[in-house]
Amino acid sequence: MTIKPLQDRVVVKMTEAEETTQSGIILTGSAKEKPEIAEVLEVGPGKADVTMGVEKGDKVLISKYAGTTVKLEGVEYIIVKMDDILAVVK
């Protein structure tokens, strides 16, 4: 089963949070922040007034509490609007 987004929506999958800080401190599950970098899996066709600025495979920075979480076949995806994508991470 696949997810095909409509209009100006994008299907993303969050990347795993870092388990250690740059200084080497190991974080417990409750100390980790929600990751904000995601990988684009599918991109909708867009709307007349919205340009789709991302492509499948891009790493993007999204708003912290954006989108709708969907669990499909045991995998968690987030469907966000193009407006909720803040930047492409290179």
C-alpha atoms as a PDB file:
ATOM      1  CA  MET A   1       0.000   0.000   0.000  1.00  0.00           C
ATOM      2  CA  THR A   2       1.289   3.482  -0.846  1.00  0.00           C
ATOM      3  CA  ILE A   3       0.296   7.035   0.019  1.00  0.00           C
ATOM      4  CA  LYS A   4      -0.244   9.483  -2.844  1.00  0.00           C
ATOM      5  CA  PRO A   5      -0.624  13.055  -1.534  1.00  0.00           C
ATOM      6  CA  LEU A   6      -3.132  15.418  -3.128  1.00  0.00           C
ATOM      7  CA  GLN A   7      -2.798  19.114  -3.993  1.00  0.00           C
ATOM      8  CA  ASP A   8       0.001  20.878  -2.062  1.00  0.00           C
ATOM      9  CA  ARG A   9       0.724  18.086   0.406  1.00  0.00           C
ATOM     10  CA  VAL A  10       3.952  16.152   0.946  1.00  0.00           C
ATOM     11  CA  VAL A  11       4.484  12.753   2.626  1.00  0.00           C
ATOM     12  CA  VAL A  12       7.594  12.714   4.841  1.00  0.00           C
ATOM     13  CA  LYS A  13       9.230  10.304   7.254  1.00  0.00           C
ATOM     14  CA  MET A  14      11.070  11.715  10.247  1.00  0.00           C
ATOM     15  CA  THR A  15      14.748  10.931  10.668  1.00  0.00           C
ATOM     16  CA  GLU A  16      15.936   9.323  13.881  1.00  0.00           C
ATOM     17  CA  ALA A  17      16.978  11.667  16.690  1.00  0.00           C
ATOM     18  CA  GLU A  18      20.598  11.729  17.749  1.00  0.00           C
ATOM     19  CA  GLU A  19      21.222   9.583  20.821  1.00  0.00           C
ATOM     20  CA  THR A  20      24.381  11.425  21.889  1.00  0.00           C
ATOM     21  CA  THR A  21      25.260  15.106  22.009  1.00  0.00           C
ATOM     22  CA  GLN A  22      28.327  16.579  20.308  1.00  0.00           C
ATOM     23  CA  SER A  23      30.151  16.445  23.645  1.00  0.00           C
ATOM     24  CA  GLY A  24      29.409  12.709  23.979  1.00  0.00           C
ATOM     25  CA  ILE A  25      26.551  12.778  26.505  1.00  0.00           C
ATOM     26  CA  ILE A  26      24.094   9.933  25.899  1.00  0.00           C
ATOM     27  CA  LEU A  27      20.468  11.078  25.950  1.00  0.00           C
ATOM     28  CA  THR A  28      17.649   9.045  27.457  1.00  0.00           C
ATOM     29  CA  GLY A  29      14.359   8.655  25.588  1.00  0.00           C
ATOM     30  CA  SER A  30      12.644  11.446  27.533  1.00  0.00           C
ATOM     31  CA  ALA A  31      15.514  13.912  26.999  1.00  0.00           C
ATOM     32  CA  LYS A  32      15.458  13.688  23.211  1.00  0.00           C
ATOM     33  CA  GLU A  33      13.703  16.443  21.314  1.00  0.00           C
ATOM     34  CA  LYS A  34      11.328  15.656  18.492  1.00  0.00           C
ATOM     35  CA  PRO A  35      13.431  15.637  15.306  1.00  0.00           C
ATOM     36  CA  GLU A  36      12.497  18.276  12.786  1.00  0.00           C
ATOM     37  CA  ILE A  37      14.410  16.910   9.791  1.00  0.00           C
ATOM     38  CA  ALA A  38      12.490  14.563   7.545  1.00  0.00           C
ATOM     39  CA  GLU A  39      12.936  12.777   4.239  1.00  0.00           C
ATOM     40  CA  VAL A  40      10.456  13.498   1.448  1.00  0.00           C
ATOM     41  CA  LEU A  41       8.825  10.269   0.231  1.00  0.00           C
ATOM     42  CA  GLU A  42       6.065  11.571  -2.072  1.00  0.00           C
ATOM     43  CA  VAL A  43       5.088  14.997  -3.413  1.00  0.00           C
ATOM     44  CA  GLY A  44       1.605  16.069  -4.501  1.00  0.00           C
ATOM     45  CA  PRO A  45       0.977  17.796  -7.842  1.00  0.00           C
ATOM     46  CA  GLY A  46       0.573  21.249  -6.257  1.00  0.00           C
ATOM     47  CA  LYS A  47      -2.096  23.916  -6.679  1.00  0.00           C
ATOM     48  CA  ALA A  48      -2.407  26.885  -9.010  1.00  0.00           C
ATOM     49  CA  ASP A  49      -1.022  29.291  -6.386  1.00  0.00           C
ATOM     50  CA  VAL A  50       1.489  26.913  -4.697  1.00  0.00           C
ATOM     51  CA  THR A  51       4.797  25.857  -6.262  1.00  0.00           C
ATOM     52  CA  MET A  52       6.124  22.513  -5.057  1.00  0.00           C
ATOM     53  CA  GLY A  53       9.709  23.347  -4.065  1.00  0.00           C
ATOM     54  CA  VAL A  54      10.787  19.862  -2.974  1.00  0.00           C
ATOM     55  CA  GLU A  55      11.418  16.549  -4.695  1.00  0.00           C
ATOM     56  CA  LYS A  56      11.267  12.937  -3.616  1.00  0.00           C
ATOM     57  CA  GLY A  57      14.407  12.097  -1.603  1.00  0.00           C
ATOM     58  CA  ASP A  58      15.070  15.635  -0.317  1.00  0.00           C
ATOM     59  CA  LYS A  59      15.871  16.154   3.360  1.00  0.00           C
ATOM     60  CA  VAL A  60      13.693  18.968   4.706  1.00  0.00           C
ATOM     61  CA  LEU A  61      13.235  20.966   7.880  1.00  0.00           C
ATOM     62  CA  ILE A  62       9.567  21.074   8.910  1.00  0.00           C
ATOM     63  CA  SER A  63       7.635  23.018  11.519  1.00  0.00           C
ATOM     64  CA  LYS A  64       7.844  21.233  14.867  1.00  0.00           C
ATOM     65  CA  TYR A  65       4.156  20.349  15.269  1.00  0.00           C
ATOM     66  CA  ALA A  66       3.120  20.373  11.611  1.00  0.00           C
ATOM     67  CA  GLY A  67       1.126  17.834   9.694  1.00  0.00           C
ATOM     68  CA  THR A  68      -0.983  14.782  10.299  1.00  0.00           C
ATOM     69  CA  THR A  69       0.644  11.568  11.528  1.00  0.00           C
ATOM     70  CA  VAL A  70      -0.427   8.394   9.723  1.00  0.00           C
ATOM     71  CA  LYS A  71       0.658   4.855  10.599  1.00  0.00           C
ATOM     72  CA  LEU A  72       0.611   2.451   7.653  1.00  0.00           C
ATOM     73  CA  GLU A  73       1.853  -1.139   7.859  1.00  0.00           C
ATOM     74  CA  GLY A  74       3.738  -0.356  11.069  1.00  0.00           C
ATOM     75  CA  VAL A  75       5.580   2.681   9.665  1.00  0.00           C
ATOM     76  CA  GLU A  76       4.786   6.221  10.793  1.00  0.00           C
ATOM     77  CA  TYR A  77       4.503   8.940   8.129  1.00  0.00           C
ATOM     78  CA  ILE A  78       3.577  12.610   8.352  1.00  0.00           C
ATOM     79  CA  ILE A  79       1.548  14.401   5.705  1.00  0.00           C
ATOM     80  CA  VAL A  80       2.374  18.132   5.670  1.00  0.00           C
ATOM     81  CA  LYS A  81       1.367  21.075   3.524  1.00  0.00           C
ATOM     82  CA  MET A  82       4.060  22.717   1.424  1.00  0.00           C
ATOM     83  CA  ASP A  83       3.733  25.808   3.684  1.00  0.00           C
ATOM     84  CA  ASP A  84       4.915  23.730   6.685  1.00  0.00           C
ATOM     85  CA  ILE A  85       8.239  22.920   5.014  1.00  0.00           C
ATOM     86  CA  LEU A  86      10.723  25.557   6.120  1.00  0.00           C
ATOM     87  CA  ALA A  87      13.878  24.613   4.180  1.00  0.00           C
ATOM     88  CA  VAL A  88      15.721  21.940   2.224  1.00  0.00           C
ATOM     89  CA  VAL A  89      18.716  20.561   4.121  1.00  0.00           C
ATOM     90  CA  LYS A  90      21.812  19.886   1.991  1.00  0.00           C
END
